[in-house]
Amino acid sequence: TSPLERLHDPRPAVRRIAIMDVLRDGGEAGLSALLTHLPRETDDRAALLIVRTCAERHHQPASPILAQLRDNAAAPAAVAPAALLAPDALEVAARPAPPPPVVDPDDVEPDEDT
């Protein structure tokens, strides 16, 4: 069976291994499939794997789903904090890089060794 089919297995350990397989081999499409699965996942550790990977990989499509999970009072206690922090990581990753600092050569202090 494929890893995506194993996401429906009743055993949490099987689902966690399936998630790891999808994360290893599935690329962006696999991560999107896991996001679709996330609201149905009942195992805290499996859900955390998905949430943390979305944040680490800066997977922007995860933002609305993570916000729903964060705001869901029925979300597992272990998952809610990760869902709370993940959108911040995604937002920071989406920001443009700051411009380099402008250094006025007249403001540079002479090196003491010279």
Protein backbone atom coordinates (compact mmCIF):
# COMPACT_ATOMS: atom_id res chain seq x y z
CA THR A 1 0.00 0.00 0.00
CA SER A 2 1.09 3.57 -0.64
CA PRO A 3 1.95 5.95 2.19
CA LEU A 4 -1.15 8.04 1.40
CA GLU A 5 -3.34 4.95 1.74
CA ARG A 6 -1.68 4.14 5.08
CA LEU A 7 -2.84 7.52 6.45
CA HIS A 8 -6.24 5.85 6.90
CA ASP A 9 -4.86 2.98 8.98
CA PRO A 10 -6.39 2.88 12.50
CA ARG A 11 -2.94 2.38 14.10
CA PRO A 12 -1.20 5.67 14.96
CA ALA A 13 2.29 4.21 14.50
CA VAL A 14 1.45 3.14 10.96
CA ARG A 15 0.15 6.63 10.18
CA ARG A 16 3.28 8.27 11.63
CA ILE A 17 5.51 6.11 9.44
CA ALA A 18 3.30 6.90 6.44
CA ILE A 19 3.67 10.62 7.20
CA MET A 20 7.45 10.27 7.38
CA ASP A 21 7.43 8.39 4.06
CA VAL A 22 5.34 11.11 2.41
CA LEU A 23 7.57 13.84 3.85
CA ARG A 24 10.66 12.06 2.57
CA ASP A 25 9.41 11.26 -0.93
CA GLY A 26 6.33 13.35 -1.65
CA GLY A 27 7.70 16.87 -2.15
CA GLU A 28 5.24 19.77 -2.16
CA ALA A 29 2.39 17.57 -3.44
CA GLY A 30 2.93 15.18 -0.55
CA LEU A 31 2.97 18.00 1.97
CA SER A 32 -0.27 19.32 0.49
CA ALA A 33 -1.83 15.85 0.82
CA LEU A 34 -0.74 15.74 4.48
CA LEU A 35 -2.29 19.16 5.05
CA THR A 36 -5.59 17.81 3.75
CA HIS A 37 -5.21 14.89 6.16
CA LEU A 38 -4.19 17.02 9.17
CA PRO A 39 -7.69 17.99 10.44
CA ARG A 40 -8.62 14.28 10.60
CA GLU A 41 -5.43 13.13 12.34
CA THR A 42 -6.14 12.02 15.91
CA ASP A 43 -2.60 11.14 16.98
CA ASP A 44 -0.76 14.07 18.58
CA ARG A 45 2.67 12.98 17.40
CA ALA A 46 1.50 12.45 13.82
CA ALA A 47 -0.18 15.86 13.77
CA LEU A 48 2.95 17.49 15.22
CA LEU A 49 5.06 15.94 12.48
CA ILE A 50 2.89 17.61 9.85
CA VAL A 51 2.62 20.98 11.62
CA ARG A 52 6.33 21.27 12.37
CA THR A 53 7.32 20.23 8.85
CA CYS A 54 5.01 22.83 7.34
CA ALA A 55 6.73 25.48 9.45
CA GLU A 56 10.25 24.19 8.77
CA ARG A 57 9.67 24.03 5.01
CA HIS A 58 7.86 27.39 4.98
CA HIS A 59 4.86 25.78 3.27
CA GLN A 60 2.68 28.87 2.80
CA PRO A 61 -0.52 26.96 1.83
CA ALA A 62 -0.53 25.62 5.40
CA SER A 63 -1.36 29.00 6.95
CA PRO A 64 -5.19 28.80 6.87
CA ILE A 65 -5.29 25.19 8.05
CA LEU A 66 -2.84 25.88 10.87
CA ALA A 67 -4.86 28.93 11.91
CA GLN A 68 -8.00 26.77 12.09
CA LEU A 69 -6.16 24.19 14.14
CA ARG A 70 -4.77 26.90 16.44
CA ASP A 71 -8.27 28.31 17.03
CA ASN A 72 -9.91 24.91 17.52
CA ALA A 73 -10.61 24.38 21.23
CA ALA A 74 -10.84 20.64 20.60
CA ALA A 75 -7.31 20.46 19.14
CA PRO A 76 -4.97 18.22 21.11
CA ALA A 77 -3.07 20.12 23.79
CA ALA A 78 0.30 19.09 22.35
CA VAL A 79 -0.60 20.26 18.84
CA ALA A 80 -2.16 23.63 19.60
CA PRO A 81 1.10 25.39 20.65
CA ALA A 82 2.88 24.19 17.51
CA ALA A 83 -0.05 25.35 15.40
CA LEU A 84 0.10 28.68 17.21
CA LEU A 85 3.79 29.21 16.38
CA ALA A 86 3.85 27.76 12.87
CA PRO A 87 1.98 30.63 11.13
CA ASP A 88 4.53 33.06 12.61
CA ALA A 89 7.36 31.05 11.07
CA LEU A 90 5.53 31.02 7.73
CA GLU A 91 4.90 34.77 7.87
CA VAL A 92 8.52 35.55 8.69
CA ALA A 93 9.70 33.28 5.87
CA ALA A 94 7.47 35.13 3.41
CA ARG A 95 8.88 38.56 4.29
CA PRO A 96 11.34 40.08 1.87
CA ALA A 97 14.92 40.23 3.05
CA PRO A 98 15.84 43.53 4.68
CA PRO A 99 18.07 45.81 2.66
CA PRO A 100 21.74 45.75 3.54
CA PRO A 101 22.84 48.44 5.98
CA VAL A 102 24.21 51.62 4.51
CA VAL A 103 27.57 52.52 5.97
CA ASP A 104 28.82 56.06 5.63
CA PRO A 105 32.61 55.87 5.23
CA ASP A 106 32.93 59.05 7.25
CA ASP A 107 31.26 57.38 10.24
CA VAL A 108 33.68 54.44 10.41
CA GLU A 109 36.02 54.61 13.39
CA PRO A 110 39.68 53.98 12.59
CA ASP A 111 41.02 50.59 13.52
CA GLU A 112 43.15 50.77 16.68
CA ASP A 113 45.80 48.47 15.17
CA THR A 114 46.61 50.84 12.32
